[in-house]
Amino acid sequence: MRNQPTSTDPEWTIIKLLKWTTTYFESRDIDGPRIEAEILLAHVLQLQRIDLYLQYDEPLYSNELSRFKDLIKRRINREPVAYIVGNKEFWSMDFFVTKDVLIPRPETEFLVETAINLLPQDSASNPMLTPKRILELGTGSGAVILALASMRPGHLFFAFDRITAAVRLAKQNAKLHGFESRVSFICADWFGPIKDKKPVFDMIVSNPPYVPSRVIGKLQPEIVKHEPISALDGGEDGLLCLRHIINNAHLYLQQKGHLLLEIGHDQRNDVQKIVDQCAKYENVVYTKDYSGYDRIVQMRKK
């Protein structure tokens, strides 16, 4: 609900401000200018986006207008909207995001979808379900593992991340969705906590850093200036983390366990070479994203 101080600015109604901001964002080459204007204004007014149009002729109070101007300045400085408002939708769920983690991307939903299709669903018709153990490496905000937990609640979920602040944020997101007792988050670098342990997982999933170091500086300023580079940088060839995971995940997977990875749009051939050289997997399948690029690779331990 909006606070209601005494003074308003009758010149700036909701609809006039949306139109002006959209035009301003367009002049600054901001992608999706209308949507981003709506998100920022709805955030300031503590409304749903649809309510902006139900109250389109309402004027803004002076303090609301001041806060909105501040957000516009941040966006023009190429700070992503998700960081400005502090949340991002993924898999029809809202997640807290900070600059400690990557902003969840739509293409990563294919990683969730692929995993869901491989996991048996618990239901009244399947009362004897044996829970599977699923691990996510580099969980960040926790969006992937929590989306999986929401869709396949009968299984056991674990998530590692080496950044303490990311683990803390993922736990907050788990609490937000009521999953704090269903997903175990651990501060760890890749397979650190389970090194020298026997195979314990039925599935390992990851969206690891896979951007070649030389390419990072050429990415959008929203990414280069604001998102954590360590979550993007995949080394000289972009394959450093993918190579490490593929060459080690089989040690911690049960027989016939699955490894699922998000990869770069042009990395299929290189990833396949790593898989072939490792020689520990079979049934390798690639899934394309919305743009038609090979985005997810799944493989099964022999």
C-alpha atoms as a PDB file:
ATOM      1  CA  MET A   1       0.000   0.000   0.000  1.00  0.00           C
ATOM      2  CA  ARG A   2       1.287   3.464  -0.904  1.00  0.00           C
ATOM      3  CA  ASN A   3       2.274   5.905   1.794  1.00  0.00           C
ATOM      4  CA  GLN A   4       0.313   9.140   1.526  1.00  0.00           C
ATOM      5  CA  PRO A   5       2.256  12.273   2.397  1.00  0.00           C
ATOM      6  CA  THR A   6       0.447  15.574   2.060  1.00  0.00           C
ATOM      7  CA  SER A   7       2.065  16.939  -1.091  1.00  0.00           C
ATOM      8  CA  THR A   8       1.616  15.586  -4.607  1.00  0.00           C
ATOM      9  CA  ASP A   9       2.939  16.586  -8.004  1.00  0.00           C
ATOM     10  CA  PRO A  10      -0.202  16.833 -10.182  1.00  0.00           C
ATOM     11  CA  GLU A  11       1.888  17.118 -13.336  1.00  0.00           C
ATOM     12  CA  TRP A  12       3.223  13.596 -13.007  1.00  0.00           C
ATOM     13  CA  THR A  13       0.483  11.004 -13.062  1.00  0.00           C
ATOM     14  CA  ILE A  14       1.365   7.318 -13.317  1.00  0.00           C
ATOM     15  CA  ILE A  15       0.603   7.099 -17.034  1.00  0.00           C
ATOM     16  CA  LYS A  16       2.483  10.288 -17.920  1.00  0.00           C
ATOM     17  CA  LEU A  17       5.515   9.083 -16.004  1.00  0.00           C
ATOM     18  CA  LEU A  18       5.431   5.686 -17.705  1.00  0.00           C
ATOM     19  CA  LYS A  19       5.301   7.302 -21.134  1.00  0.00           C
ATOM     20  CA  TRP A  20       8.115   9.733 -20.370  1.00  0.00           C
ATOM     21  CA  THR A  21      10.345   7.061 -18.846  1.00  0.00           C
ATOM     22  CA  THR A  22       9.768   4.693 -21.750  1.00  0.00           C
ATOM     23  CA  THR A  23      10.837   7.359 -24.230  1.00  0.00           C
ATOM     24  CA  TYR A  24      13.844   8.271 -22.099  1.00  0.00           C
ATOM     25  CA  PHE A  25      14.960   4.659 -21.814  1.00  0.00           C
ATOM     26  CA  GLU A  26      14.549   4.218 -25.572  1.00  0.00           C
ATOM     27  CA  SER A  27      16.837   7.199 -26.168  1.00  0.00           C
ATOM     28  CA  ARG A  28      19.460   5.537 -23.956  1.00  0.00           C
ATOM     29  CA  ASP A  29      19.182   2.136 -25.700  1.00  0.00           C
ATOM     30  CA  ILE A  30      17.728   0.359 -22.675  1.00  0.00           C
ATOM     31  CA  ASP A  31      16.230  -2.995 -23.681  1.00  0.00           C
ATOM     32  CA  GLY A  32      12.523  -3.472 -22.983  1.00  0.00           C
ATOM     33  CA  PRO A  33      12.023   0.186 -22.013  1.00  0.00           C
ATOM     34  CA  ARG A  34       8.287   0.000 -21.255  1.00  0.00           C
ATOM     35  CA  ILE A  35       8.519  -3.149 -19.152  1.00  0.00           C
ATOM     36  CA  GLU A  36      11.484  -1.828 -17.200  1.00  0.00           C
ATOM     37  CA  ALA A  37       9.719   1.473 -16.570  1.00  0.00           C
ATOM     38  CA  GLU A  38       6.715  -0.463 -15.251  1.00  0.00           C
ATOM     39  CA  ILE A  39       8.832  -2.645 -12.975  1.00  0.00           C
ATOM     40  CA  LEU A  40      10.662   0.316 -11.449  1.00  0.00           C
ATOM     41  CA  LEU A  41       7.546   2.421 -10.944  1.00  0.00           C
ATOM     42  CA  ALA A  42       5.579  -0.489  -9.490  1.00  0.00           C
ATOM     43  CA  HIS A  43       8.475  -1.092  -7.091  1.00  0.00           C
ATOM     44  CA  VAL A  44       8.470   2.524  -5.894  1.00  0.00           C
ATOM     45  CA  LEU A  45       4.696   2.597  -5.491  1.00  0.00           C
ATOM     46  CA  GLN A  46       4.534  -0.883  -3.959  1.00  0.00           C
ATOM     47  CA  LEU A  47       1.987  -1.956  -6.547  1.00  0.00           C
ATOM     48  CA  GLN A  48       1.578  -4.796  -9.000  1.00  0.00           C
ATOM     49  CA  ARG A  49       2.302  -3.799 -12.588  1.00  0.00           C
ATOM     50  CA  ILE A  50      -1.354  -4.254 -13.537  1.00  0.00           C
ATOM     51  CA  ASP A  51      -2.313  -1.754 -10.821  1.00  0.00           C
ATOM     52  CA  LEU A  52      -0.357   0.952 -12.627  1.00  0.00           C
ATOM     53  CA  TYR A  53      -3.015   0.885 -15.311  1.00  0.00           C
ATOM     54  CA  LEU A  54      -5.908   0.596 -12.911  1.00  0.00           C
ATOM     55  CA  GLN A  55      -4.636   3.770 -11.201  1.00  0.00           C
ATOM     56  CA  TYR A  56      -3.124   5.389 -14.296  1.00  0.00           C
ATOM     57  CA  ASP A  57      -4.405   8.901 -13.584  1.00  0.00           C
ATOM     58  CA  GLU A  58      -3.188   9.016  -9.974  1.00  0.00           C
ATOM     59  CA  PRO A  59      -0.469  11.632  -9.318  1.00  0.00           C
ATOM     60  CA  LEU A  60       2.736  10.702  -7.552  1.00  0.00           C
ATOM     61  CA  TYR A  61       3.572  12.093  -4.158  1.00  0.00           C
ATOM     62  CA  SER A  62       6.752  14.126  -4.075  1.00  0.00           C
ATOM     63  CA  ASN A  63       8.768  11.518  -2.188  1.00  0.00           C
ATOM     64  CA  GLU A  64       7.666   8.805  -4.623  1.00  0.00           C
ATOM     65  CA  LEU A  65       8.739  10.898  -7.568  1.00  0.00           C
ATOM     66  CA  SER A  66      12.109  11.533  -5.951  1.00  0.00           C
ATOM     67  CA  ARG A  67      12.704   7.831  -5.338  1.00  0.00           C
ATOM     68  CA  PHE A  68      11.671   6.984  -8.885  1.00  0.00           C
ATOM     69  CA  LYS A  69      14.124   9.534 -10.294  1.00  0.00           C
ATOM     70  CA  ASP A  70      16.900   7.893  -8.265  1.00  0.00           C
ATOM     71  CA  LEU A  71      16.047   4.495  -9.753  1.00  0.00           C
ATOM     72  CA  ILE A  72      16.042   5.901 -13.271  1.00  0.00           C
ATOM     73  CA  LYS A  73      19.556   7.268 -12.722  1.00  0.00           C
ATOM     74  CA  ARG A  74      20.728   3.845 -11.546  1.00  0.00           C
ATOM     75  CA  ARG A  75      19.220   2.151 -14.589  1.00  0.00           C
ATOM     76  CA  ILE A  76      20.791   4.673 -16.974  1.00  0.00           C
ATOM     77  CA  ASN A  77      24.098   3.777 -15.329  1.00  0.00           C
ATOM     78  CA  ARG A  78      23.337   0.267 -16.626  1.00  0.00           C
ATOM     79  CA  GLU A  79      22.567  -1.279 -13.276  1.00  0.00           C
ATOM     80  CA  PRO A  80      20.196  -4.190 -14.018  1.00  0.00           C
ATOM     81  CA  VAL A  81      16.598  -3.765 -12.912  1.00  0.00           C
ATOM     82  CA  ALA A  82      16.777  -7.009 -10.922  1.00  0.00           C
ATOM     83  CA  TYR A  83      19.529  -5.573  -8.709  1.00  0.00           C
ATOM     84  CA  ILE A  84      17.709  -2.268  -8.356  1.00  0.00           C
ATOM     85  CA  VAL A  85      14.457  -3.822  -7.134  1.00  0.00           C
ATOM     86  CA  GLY A  86      16.208  -6.736  -5.415  1.00  0.00           C
ATOM     87  CA  ASN A  87      14.340  -9.628  -6.998  1.00  0.00           C
ATOM     88  CA  LYS A  88      13.892 -11.600 -10.209  1.00  0.00           C
ATOM     89  CA  GLU A  89      11.254 -14.042 -11.421  1.00  0.00           C
ATOM     90  CA  PHE A  90      12.449 -17.494 -12.450  1.00  0.00           C
ATOM     91  CA  TRP A  91      10.297 -20.557 -13.061  1.00  0.00           C
ATOM     92  CA  SER A  92       7.265 -18.450 -12.007  1.00  0.00           C
ATOM     93  CA  MET A  93       8.886 -17.940  -8.608  1.00  0.00           C
ATOM     94  CA  ASP A  94      10.319 -14.718  -7.175  1.00  0.00           C
ATOM     95  CA  PHE A  95      13.891 -14.761  -5.896  1.00  0.00           C
ATOM     96  CA  PHE A  96      15.929 -12.238  -3.962  1.00  0.00           C
ATOM     97  CA  VAL A  97      19.015 -11.228  -5.954  1.00  0.00           C
ATOM     98  CA  THR A  98      22.047  -9.147  -5.021  1.00  0.00           C
ATOM     99  CA  LYS A  99      25.317  -8.335  -6.746  1.00  0.00           C
ATOM    100  CA  ASP A 100      26.806 -11.396  -5.062  1.00  0.00           C
ATOM    101  CA  VAL A 101      25.002 -13.656  -7.565  1.00  0.00           C
ATOM    102  CA  LEU A 102      24.174 -13.791 -11.239  1.00  0.00           C
ATOM    103  CA  ILE A 103      20.680 -12.759 -12.222  1.00  0.00           C
ATOM    104  CA  PRO A 104      18.742 -15.928 -13.218  1.00  0.00           C
ATOM    105  CA  ARG A 105      18.281 -16.147 -16.990  1.00  0.00           C
ATOM    106  CA  PRO A 106      15.330 -17.548 -18.945  1.00  0.00           C
ATOM    107  CA  GLU A 107      17.555 -20.042 -20.781  1.00  0.00           C
ATOM    108  CA  THR A 108      18.541 -21.608 -17.458  1.00  0.00           C
ATOM    109  CA  GLU A 109      14.943 -22.761 -17.099  1.00  0.00           C
ATOM    110  CA  PHE A 110      15.863 -25.415 -19.668  1.00  0.00           C
ATOM    111  CA  LEU A 111      18.263 -26.858 -17.077  1.00  0.00           C
ATOM    112  CA  VAL A 112      15.372 -27.137 -14.621  1.00  0.00           C
ATOM    113  CA  GLU A 113      13.042 -28.618 -17.227  1.00  0.00           C
ATOM    114  CA  THR A 114      15.592 -31.222 -18.303  1.00  0.00           C
ATOM    115  CA  ALA A 115      16.177 -32.273 -14.700  1.00  0.00           C
ATOM    116  CA  ILE A 116      12.458 -32.499 -13.954  1.00  0.00           C
ATOM    117  CA  ASN A 117      11.938 -34.820 -16.916  1.00  0.00           C
ATOM    118  CA  LEU A 118      14.555 -37.197 -15.517  1.00  0.00           C
ATOM    119  CA  LEU A 119      13.252 -37.273 -11.945  1.00  0.00           C
ATOM    120  CA  PRO A 120      10.345 -39.539 -10.968  1.00  0.00           C
ATOM    121  CA  GLN A 121       7.358 -37.720  -9.552  1.00  0.00           C
ATOM    122  CA  ASP A 122       6.022 -38.622  -6.145  1.00  0.00           C
ATOM    123  CA  SER A 123       2.272 -39.110  -6.159  1.00  0.00           C
ATOM    124  CA  ALA A 124      -0.504 -41.274  -4.802  1.00  0.00           C
ATOM    125  CA  SER A 125       0.112 -43.637  -7.716  1.00  0.00           C
ATOM    126  CA  ASN A 126       3.786 -43.946  -6.765  1.00  0.00           C
ATOM    127  CA  PRO A 127       3.767 -44.403  -2.964  1.00  0.00           C
ATOM    128  CA  MET A 128       6.975 -46.461  -2.934  1.00  0.00           C
ATOM    129  CA  LEU A 129       9.120 -43.733  -4.484  1.00  0.00           C
ATOM    130  CA  THR A 130      12.756 -44.008  -3.476  1.00  0.00           C
ATOM    131  CA  PRO A 131      13.992 -40.436  -3.029  1.00  0.00           C
ATOM    132  CA  LYS A 132      16.789 -39.375  -5.360  1.00  0.00           C
ATOM    133  CA  ARG A 133      19.686 -37.237  -4.169  1.00  0.00           C
ATOM    134  CA  ILE A 134      20.262 -34.149  -6.302  1.00  0.00           C
ATOM    135  CA  LEU A 135      23.241 -31.787  -6.027  1.00  0.00           C
ATOM    136  CA  GLU A 136      23.632 -28.368  -7.612  1.00  0.00           C
ATOM    137  CA  LEU A 137      27.134 -26.943  -7.996  1.00  0.00           C
ATOM    138  CA  GLY A 138      27.450 -23.144  -7.924  1.00  0.00           C
ATOM    139  CA  THR A 139      23.907 -22.471  -6.767  1.00  0.00           C
ATOM    140  CA  GLY A 140      24.104 -18.658  -6.607  1.00  0.00           C
ATOM    141  CA  SER A 141      20.641 -17.382  -5.675  1.00  0.00           C
ATOM    142  CA  GLY A 142      19.397 -20.961  -5.341  1.00  0.00           C
ATOM    143  CA  ALA A 143      16.901 -20.483  -8.180  1.00  0.00           C
ATOM    144  CA  VAL A 144      17.632 -23.774  -9.957  1.00  0.00           C
ATOM    145  CA  ILE A 145      17.658 -26.105  -6.958  1.00  0.00           C
ATOM    146  CA  LEU A 146      14.605 -24.422  -5.398  1.00  0.00           C
ATOM    147  CA  ALA A 147      12.688 -24.644  -8.670  1.00  0.00           C
ATOM    148  CA  LEU A 148      13.501 -28.368  -8.734  1.00  0.00           C
ATOM    149  CA  ALA A 149      12.421 -28.766  -5.116  1.00  0.00           C
ATOM    150  CA  SER A 150       9.120 -27.070  -5.923  1.00  0.00           C
ATOM    151  CA  MET A 151       8.409 -29.505  -8.758  1.00  0.00           C
ATOM    152  CA  ARG A 152       9.752 -32.748  -7.278  1.00  0.00           C
ATOM    153  CA  PRO A 153       9.315 -32.382  -3.493  1.00  0.00           C
ATOM    154  CA  GLY A 154       9.749 -36.090  -2.785  1.00  0.00           C
ATOM    155  CA  HIS A 155      13.505 -36.004  -3.379  1.00  0.00           C
ATOM    156  CA  LEU A 156      16.554 -34.824  -1.409  1.00  0.00           C
ATOM    157  CA  PHE A 157      18.271 -31.631  -2.514  1.00  0.00           C
ATOM    158  CA  PHE A 158      21.755 -30.227  -1.851  1.00  0.00           C
ATOM    159  CA  ALA A 159      23.511 -27.131  -3.184  1.00  0.00           C
ATOM    160  CA  PHE A 160      27.109 -25.871  -2.986  1.00  0.00           C
ATOM    161  CA  ASP A 161      28.567 -22.423  -3.628  1.00  0.00           C
ATOM    162  CA  ARG A 162      31.982 -21.091  -2.691  1.00  0.00           C
ATOM    163  CA  ILE A 163      30.678 -17.552  -2.041  1.00  0.00           C
ATOM    164  CA  THR A 164      29.428 -17.179   1.524  1.00  0.00           C
ATOM    165  CA  ALA A 165      27.108 -14.312   0.617  1.00  0.00           C
ATOM    166  CA  ALA A 166      25.543 -16.424  -2.149  1.00  0.00           C
ATOM    167  CA  VAL A 167      24.832 -19.282   0.241  1.00  0.00           C
ATOM    168  CA  ARG A 168      23.288 -16.845   2.690  1.00  0.00           C
ATOM    169  CA  LEU A 169      21.068 -15.427  -0.066  1.00  0.00           C
ATOM    170  CA  ALA A 170      20.057 -18.885  -1.301  1.00  0.00           C
ATOM    171  CA  LYS A 171      18.983 -19.768   2.233  1.00  0.00           C
ATOM    172  CA  GLN A 172      16.861 -16.608   2.350  1.00  0.00           C
ATOM    173  CA  ASN A 173      15.201 -17.642  -0.901  1.00  0.00           C
ATOM    174  CA  ALA A 174      14.590 -21.115   0.486  1.00  0.00           C
ATOM    175  CA  LYS A 175      12.901 -19.577   3.525  1.00  0.00           C
ATOM    176  CA  LEU A 176      10.867 -17.266   1.275  1.00  0.00           C
ATOM    177  CA  HIS A 177       9.356 -20.293  -0.452  1.00  0.00           C
ATOM    178  CA  GLY A 178       9.093 -22.479   2.645  1.00  0.00           C
ATOM    179  CA  PHE A 179      11.868 -24.865   1.563  1.00  0.00           C
ATOM    180  CA  GLU A 180      14.436 -24.154   4.272  1.00  0.00           C
ATOM    181  CA  SER A 181      14.140 -27.698   5.654  1.00  0.00           C
ATOM    182  CA  ARG A 182      14.091 -29.383   2.233  1.00  0.00           C
ATOM    183  CA  VAL A 183      17.280 -28.055   0.633  1.00  0.00           C
ATOM    184  CA  SER A 184      20.714 -28.221   2.270  1.00  0.00           C
ATOM    185  CA  PHE A 185      23.020 -25.343   1.302  1.00  0.00           C
ATOM    186  CA  ILE A 186      26.761 -25.630   1.922  1.00  0.00           C
ATOM    187  CA  CYS A 187      29.567 -23.143   1.354  1.00  0.00           C
ATOM    188  CA  ALA A 188      31.988 -25.157  -0.760  1.00  0.00           C
ATOM    189  CA  ASP A 189      34.075 -25.016  -3.924  1.00  0.00           C
ATOM    190  CA  TRP A 190      32.812 -27.601  -6.427  1.00  0.00           C
ATOM    191  CA  PHE A 191      33.225 -31.102  -4.913  1.00  0.00           C
ATOM    192  CA  GLY A 192      35.185 -30.021  -1.828  1.00  0.00           C
ATOM    193  CA  PRO A 193      32.909 -31.373   0.946  1.00  0.00           C
ATOM    194  CA  ILE A 194      32.449 -34.767  -0.704  1.00  0.00           C
ATOM    195  CA  LYS A 195      36.023 -35.356  -1.832  1.00  0.00           C
ATOM    196  CA  ASP A 196      37.081 -38.982  -1.284  1.00  0.00           C
ATOM    197  CA  LYS A 197      33.483 -39.970  -0.512  1.00  0.00           C
ATOM    198  CA  LYS A 198      31.721 -42.846  -2.229  1.00  0.00           C
ATOM    199  CA  PRO A 199      29.179 -42.065  -4.980  1.00  0.00           C
ATOM    200  CA  VAL A 200      26.169 -40.556  -3.246  1.00  0.00           C
ATOM    201  CA  PHE A 201      24.189 -38.556  -5.825  1.00  0.00           C
ATOM    202  CA  ASP A 202      21.683 -39.606  -8.455  1.00  0.00           C
ATOM    203  CA  MET A 203      21.912 -36.292 -10.275  1.00  0.00           C
ATOM    204  CA  ILE A 204      24.347 -33.374 -10.410  1.00  0.00           C
ATOM    205  CA  VAL A 205      23.315 -30.127 -12.103  1.00  0.00           C
ATOM    206  CA  SER A 206      25.240 -26.934 -12.696  1.00  0.00           C
ATOM    207  CA  ASN A 207      25.233 -23.654 -14.586  1.00  0.00           C
ATOM    208  CA  PRO A 208      28.975 -23.021 -14.217  1.00  0.00           C
ATOM    209  CA  PRO A 209      31.067 -20.114 -15.525  1.00  0.00           C
ATOM    210  CA  TYR A 210      31.561 -20.738 -19.249  1.00  0.00           C
ATOM    211  CA  VAL A 211      32.392 -17.382 -20.847  1.00  0.00           C
ATOM    212  CA  PRO A 212      35.964 -17.170 -22.234  1.00  0.00           C
ATOM    213  CA  SER A 213      37.990 -14.593 -20.296  1.00  0.00           C
ATOM    214  CA  ARG A 214      38.772 -12.571 -23.424  1.00  0.00           C
ATOM    215  CA  VAL A 215      35.057 -12.177 -24.213  1.00  0.00           C
ATOM    216  CA  ILE A 216      33.855 -10.851 -20.868  1.00  0.00           C
ATOM    217  CA  GLY A 217      34.878  -7.253 -21.552  1.00  0.00           C
ATOM    218  CA  LYS A 218      32.734  -7.299 -24.703  1.00  0.00           C
ATOM    219  CA  LEU A 219      29.530  -8.261 -22.924  1.00  0.00           C
ATOM    220  CA  GLN A 220      26.705  -5.834 -22.161  1.00  0.00           C
ATOM    221  CA  PRO A 221      27.647  -3.099 -19.666  1.00  0.00           C
ATOM    222  CA  GLU A 222      24.894  -4.375 -17.352  1.00  0.00           C
ATOM    223  CA  ILE A 223      26.920  -7.569 -17.030  1.00  0.00           C
ATOM    224  CA  VAL A 224      30.470  -6.202 -17.062  1.00  0.00           C
ATOM    225  CA  LYS A 225      29.823  -3.347 -14.630  1.00  0.00           C
ATOM    226  CA  HIS A 226      27.499  -5.057 -12.173  1.00  0.00           C
ATOM    227  CA  GLU A 227      27.355  -8.862 -12.223  1.00  0.00           C
ATOM    228  CA  PRO A 228      29.993 -11.018 -10.458  1.00  0.00           C
ATOM    229  CA  ILE A 229      32.692 -11.787 -13.031  1.00  0.00           C
ATOM    230  CA  SER A 230      33.796 -14.880 -11.103  1.00  0.00           C
ATOM    231  CA  ALA A 231      30.418 -16.455 -11.904  1.00  0.00           C
ATOM    232  CA  LEU A 232      30.985 -15.853 -15.622  1.00  0.00           C
ATOM    233  CA  ASP A 233      34.702 -16.394 -16.269  1.00  0.00           C
ATOM    234  CA  GLY A 234      35.312 -19.875 -17.626  1.00  0.00           C
ATOM    235  CA  GLY A 235      39.027 -19.375 -18.229  1.00  0.00           C
ATOM    236  CA  GLU A 236      40.910 -18.832 -21.445  1.00  0.00           C
ATOM    237  CA  ASP A 237      38.735 -21.140 -23.529  1.00  0.00           C
ATOM    238  CA  GLY A 238      35.568 -20.907 -21.435  1.00  0.00           C
ATOM    239  CA  LEU A 239      35.777 -24.607 -20.652  1.00  0.00           C
ATOM    240  CA  LEU A 240      37.778 -24.610 -17.411  1.00  0.00           C
ATOM    241  CA  CYS A 241      34.848 -25.258 -15.062  1.00  0.00           C
ATOM    242  CA  LEU A 242      32.945 -27.475 -17.499  1.00  0.00           C
ATOM    243  CA  ARG A 243      36.045 -29.621 -17.937  1.00  0.00           C
ATOM    244  CA  HIS A 244      36.558 -29.922 -14.176  1.00  0.00           C
ATOM    245  CA  ILE A 245      32.950 -30.897 -13.503  1.00  0.00           C
ATOM    246  CA  ILE A 246      32.739 -33.448 -16.317  1.00  0.00           C
ATOM    247  CA  ASN A 247      36.022 -35.069 -15.345  1.00  0.00           C
ATOM    248  CA  ASN A 248      35.058 -35.399 -11.687  1.00  0.00           C
ATOM    249  CA  ALA A 249      31.267 -35.670 -11.387  1.00  0.00           C
ATOM    250  CA  HIS A 250      31.250 -39.395 -12.235  1.00  0.00           C
ATOM    251  CA  LEU A 251      33.173 -40.038  -9.011  1.00  0.00           C
ATOM    252  CA  TYR A 252      30.178 -38.850  -6.993  1.00  0.00           C
ATOM    253  CA  LEU A 253      27.339 -40.175  -9.135  1.00  0.00           C
ATOM    254  CA  GLN A 254      25.597 -43.466  -8.572  1.00  0.00           C
ATOM    255  CA  GLN A 255      25.598 -45.917 -11.464  1.00  0.00           C
ATOM    256  CA  LYS A 256      23.246 -44.573 -14.154  1.00  0.00           C
ATOM    257  CA  GLY A 257      23.274 -41.189 -12.386  1.00  0.00           C
ATOM    258  CA  HIS A 258      22.877 -38.066 -14.518  1.00  0.00           C
ATOM    259  CA  LEU A 259      25.033 -34.997 -15.005  1.00  0.00           C
ATOM    260  CA  LEU A 260      23.301 -31.895 -16.437  1.00  0.00           C
ATOM    261  CA  LEU A 261      25.153 -28.737 -17.452  1.00  0.00           C
ATOM    262  CA  GLU A 262      24.332 -25.408 -19.025  1.00  0.00           C
ATOM    263  CA  ILE A 263      26.873 -24.540 -21.721  1.00  0.00           C
ATOM    264  CA  GLY A 264      27.719 -21.649 -24.030  1.00  0.00           C
ATOM    265  CA  HIS A 265      25.843 -21.290 -27.299  1.00  0.00           C
ATOM    266  CA  ASP A 266      28.852 -22.401 -29.384  1.00  0.00           C
ATOM    267  CA  GLN A 267      30.456 -24.953 -27.049  1.00  0.00           C
ATOM    268  CA  ARG A 268      28.738 -28.199 -28.053  1.00  0.00           C
ATOM    269  CA  ASN A 269      31.638 -29.619 -30.065  1.00  0.00           C
ATOM    270  CA  ASP A 270      34.242 -28.737 -27.435  1.00  0.00           C
ATOM    271  CA  VAL A 271      32.098 -30.132 -24.631  1.00  0.00           C
ATOM    272  CA  GLN A 272      31.551 -33.338 -26.582  1.00  0.00           C
ATOM    273  CA  LYS A 273      35.318 -33.768 -26.932  1.00  0.00           C
ATOM    274  CA  ILE A 274      35.703 -33.463 -23.151  1.00  0.00           C
ATOM    275  CA  VAL A 275      32.953 -36.038 -22.604  1.00  0.00           C
ATOM    276  CA  ASP A 276      34.518 -38.438 -25.122  1.00  0.00           C
ATOM    277  CA  GLN A 277      37.982 -38.098 -23.582  1.00  0.00           C
ATOM    278  CA  CYS A 278      36.591 -38.679 -20.094  1.00  0.00           C
ATOM    279  CA  ALA A 279      34.891 -41.869 -21.334  1.00  0.00           C
ATOM    280  CA  LYS A 280      32.744 -42.209 -18.194  1.00  0.00           C
ATOM    281  CA  TYR A 281      29.377 -41.256 -19.666  1.00  0.00           C
ATOM    282  CA  GLU A 282      26.809 -42.436 -22.159  1.00  0.00           C
ATOM    283  CA  ASN A 283      23.466 -41.273 -23.589  1.00  0.00           C
ATOM    284  CA  VAL A 284      24.697 -37.719 -24.197  1.00  0.00           C
ATOM    285  CA  VAL A 285      21.824 -35.446 -25.234  1.00  0.00           C
ATOM    286  CA  TYR A 286      21.773 -31.708 -26.030  1.00  0.00           C
ATOM    287  CA  THR A 287      18.777 -29.424 -25.532  1.00  0.00           C
ATOM    288  CA  LYS A 288      18.305 -26.191 -27.469  1.00  0.00           C
ATOM    289  CA  ASP A 289      17.238 -22.905 -25.900  1.00  0.00           C
ATOM    290  CA  TYR A 290      14.678 -20.355 -27.120  1.00  0.00           C
ATOM    291  CA  SER A 291      17.145 -19.075 -29.728  1.00  0.00           C
ATOM    292  CA  GLY A 292      17.892 -22.528 -31.130  1.00  0.00           C
ATOM    293  CA  TYR A 293      21.348 -22.849 -29.523  1.00  0.00           C
ATOM    294  CA  ASP A 294      22.532 -26.032 -27.813  1.00  0.00           C
ATOM    295  CA  ARG A 295      22.247 -24.853 -24.211  1.00  0.00           C
ATOM    296  CA  ILE A 296      21.915 -27.929 -21.959  1.00  0.00           C
ATOM    297  CA  VAL A 297      23.920 -31.133 -22.110  1.00  0.00           C
ATOM    298  CA  GLN A 298      22.821 -34.192 -20.176  1.00  0.00           C
ATOM    299  CA  MET A 299      24.763 -37.419 -19.817  1.00  0.00           C
ATOM    300  CA  ARG A 300      24.492 -40.618 -17.806  1.00  0.00           C
ATOM    301  CA  LYS A 301      27.241 -42.346 -15.884  1.00  0.00           C
ATOM    302  CA  LYS A 302      28.141 -45.668 -17.467  1.00  0.00           C
END
